[in-house]
C-alpha atoms as a PDB file:
ATOM      1  CA  MET A   1    -105.805 137.919-160.147  1.00  0.00           C
ATOM      2  CA  GLY A   2    -104.764 137.119-156.660  1.00  0.00           C
ATOM      3  CA  GLY A   3    -106.287 133.521-155.931  1.00  0.00           C
ATOM      4  CA  PRO A   4    -103.035 132.284-158.550  1.00  0.00           C
ATOM      5  CA  MET A   5    -100.728 134.548-157.270  1.00  0.00           C
ATOM      6  CA  MET A   6    -101.498 133.793-153.469  1.00  0.00           C
ATOM      7  CA  LYS A   7    -100.199 130.001-155.030  1.00  0.00           C
ATOM      8  CA  ALA A   8     -97.915 130.931-156.697  1.00  0.00           C
ATOM      9  CA  ILE A   9     -95.656 132.756-154.482  1.00  0.00           C
ATOM     10  CA  GLN A  10     -95.700 129.358-152.459  1.00  0.00           C
ATOM     11  CA  ALA A  11     -93.104 127.789-154.168  1.00  0.00           C
ATOM     12  CA  GLU A  12     -89.968 127.215-152.510  1.00  0.00           C
ATOM     13  CA  ASP A  13     -87.455 128.613-154.866  1.00  0.00           C
ATOM     14  CA  PRO A  14     -88.116 132.348-154.324  1.00  0.00           C
ATOM     15  CA  ASP A  15     -87.319 133.415-158.479  1.00  0.00           C
ATOM     16  CA  VAL A  16     -89.644 130.765-158.719  1.00  0.00           C
ATOM     17  CA  ALA A  17     -92.543 131.301-157.038  1.00  0.00           C
ATOM     18  CA  PHE A  18     -91.577 135.246-157.898  1.00  0.00           C
ATOM     19  CA  VAL A  19     -92.475 134.407-161.551  1.00  0.00           C
ATOM     20  CA  GLN A  20     -94.710 132.750-161.156  1.00  0.00           C
ATOM     21  CA  ALA A  21     -96.615 135.364-159.495  1.00  0.00           C
ATOM     22  CA  MET A  22     -95.640 138.188-161.320  1.00  0.00           C
ATOM     23  CA  VAL A  23     -98.096 136.301-164.821  1.00  0.00           C
ATOM     24  CA  PRO A  24    -100.755 137.037-163.346  1.00  0.00           C
ATOM     25  CA  HIS A  25     -99.779 140.128-162.470  1.00  0.00           C
ATOM     26  CA  HIS A  26     -99.164 141.124-165.644  1.00  0.00           C
ATOM     27  CA  GLN A  27    -102.400 140.030-167.065  1.00  0.00           C
ATOM     28  CA  GLY A  28    -104.211 141.560-164.529  1.00  0.00           C
ATOM     29  CA  ALA A  29    -103.294 144.404-166.174  1.00  0.00           C
ATOM     30  CA  ILE A  30    -103.728 143.389-169.950  1.00  0.00           C
ATOM     31  CA  ASP A  31    -106.970 142.622-168.609  1.00  0.00           C
ATOM     32  CA  MET A  32    -107.405 145.747-166.956  1.00  0.00           C
ATOM     33  CA  ALA A  33    -106.148 147.743-170.462  1.00  0.00           C
ATOM     34  CA  ARG A  34    -108.305 146.306-172.414  1.00  0.00           C
ATOM     35  CA  ALA A  35    -110.711 146.779-170.520  1.00  0.00           C
ATOM     36  CA  VAL A  36    -110.357 150.915-170.793  1.00  0.00           C
ATOM     37  CA  LEU A  37    -109.342 150.376-174.317  1.00  0.00           C
ATOM     38  CA  GLN A  38    -113.116 149.947-174.673  1.00  0.00           C
ATOM     39  CA  PHE A  39    -115.041 152.098-172.550  1.00  0.00           C
ATOM     40  CA  GLY A  40    -112.335 154.819-171.966  1.00  0.00           C
ATOM     41  CA  LYS A  41    -112.179 157.693-174.228  1.00  0.00           C
ATOM     42  CA  ASP A  42    -109.211 159.784-172.760  1.00  0.00           C
ATOM     43  CA  ASP A  43    -106.557 159.528-175.734  1.00  0.00           C
ATOM     44  CA  GLN A  44    -103.615 158.899-173.730  1.00  0.00           C
ATOM     45  CA  VAL A  45    -104.996 156.530-171.287  1.00  0.00           C
ATOM     46  CA  ARG A  46    -105.506 154.274-174.519  1.00  0.00           C
ATOM     47  CA  ASP A  47    -101.645 155.111-175.222  1.00  0.00           C
ATOM     48  CA  TRP A  48    -100.304 154.355-171.952  1.00  0.00           C
ATOM     49  CA  ALA A  49    -103.266 151.322-172.333  1.00  0.00           C
ATOM     50  CA  ASN A  50    -101.785 150.121-175.786  1.00  0.00           C
ATOM     51  CA  GLN A  51     -98.533 150.573-174.172  1.00  0.00           C
ATOM     52  CA  ILE A  52     -98.695 147.937-171.676  1.00  0.00           C
ATOM     53  CA  ILE A  53    -100.462 145.932-173.575  1.00  0.00           C
ATOM     54  CA  THR A  54     -97.616 145.776-175.215  1.00  0.00           C
ATOM     55  CA  ALA A  55     -94.836 145.371-173.135  1.00  0.00           C
ATOM     56  CA  GLN A  56     -96.593 142.776-170.389  1.00  0.00           C
ATOM     57  CA  GLN A  57     -97.369 140.443-173.737  1.00  0.00           C
ATOM     58  CA  ALA A  58     -93.507 139.583-174.453  1.00  0.00           C
ATOM     59  CA  GLU A  59     -92.909 139.926-170.264  1.00  0.00           C
ATOM     60  CA  ILE A  60     -95.838 137.067-169.537  1.00  0.00           C
ATOM     61  CA  ALA A  61     -93.834 135.074-172.439  1.00  0.00           C
ATOM     62  CA  ALA A  62     -91.031 135.467-171.732  1.00  0.00           C
ATOM     63  CA  MET A  63     -91.379 134.432-168.144  1.00  0.00           C
ATOM     64  CA  GLN A  64     -92.991 131.877-168.992  1.00  0.00           C
ATOM     65  CA  LYS A  65     -90.124 130.941-171.490  1.00  0.00           C
ATOM     66  CA  TRP A  66     -88.182 131.183-168.315  1.00  0.00           C
ATOM     67  CA  LEU A  67     -90.653 128.860-166.130  1.00  0.00           C
ATOM     68  CA  LYS A  68     -90.766 126.196-168.391  1.00  0.00           C
ATOM     69  CA  GLN A  69     -86.541 126.141-168.530  1.00  0.00           C
ATOM     70  CA  HIS A  70     -86.165 126.327-164.718  1.00  0.00           C
ATOM     71  CA  VAL A  71     -89.460 124.156-163.130  1.00  0.00           C
ATOM     72  CA  LYS A  72     -89.398 120.409-163.236  1.00  0.00           C
END
């Protein structure tokens, strides 16, 4: 997550830099949530993990769509 985020924030446009950095940030949250679903036992934590996966996947899709429209 660190490498892609650091590369992304080098974009000259601050909006593009933010969105490019958020994509790997959100992917990191998804990866952590999947790990807790695989190994975690607490029902509340597992519920949060499922919510995070759903929300972050939707946000990544929206951000990738935005980037296609704004990065030339």
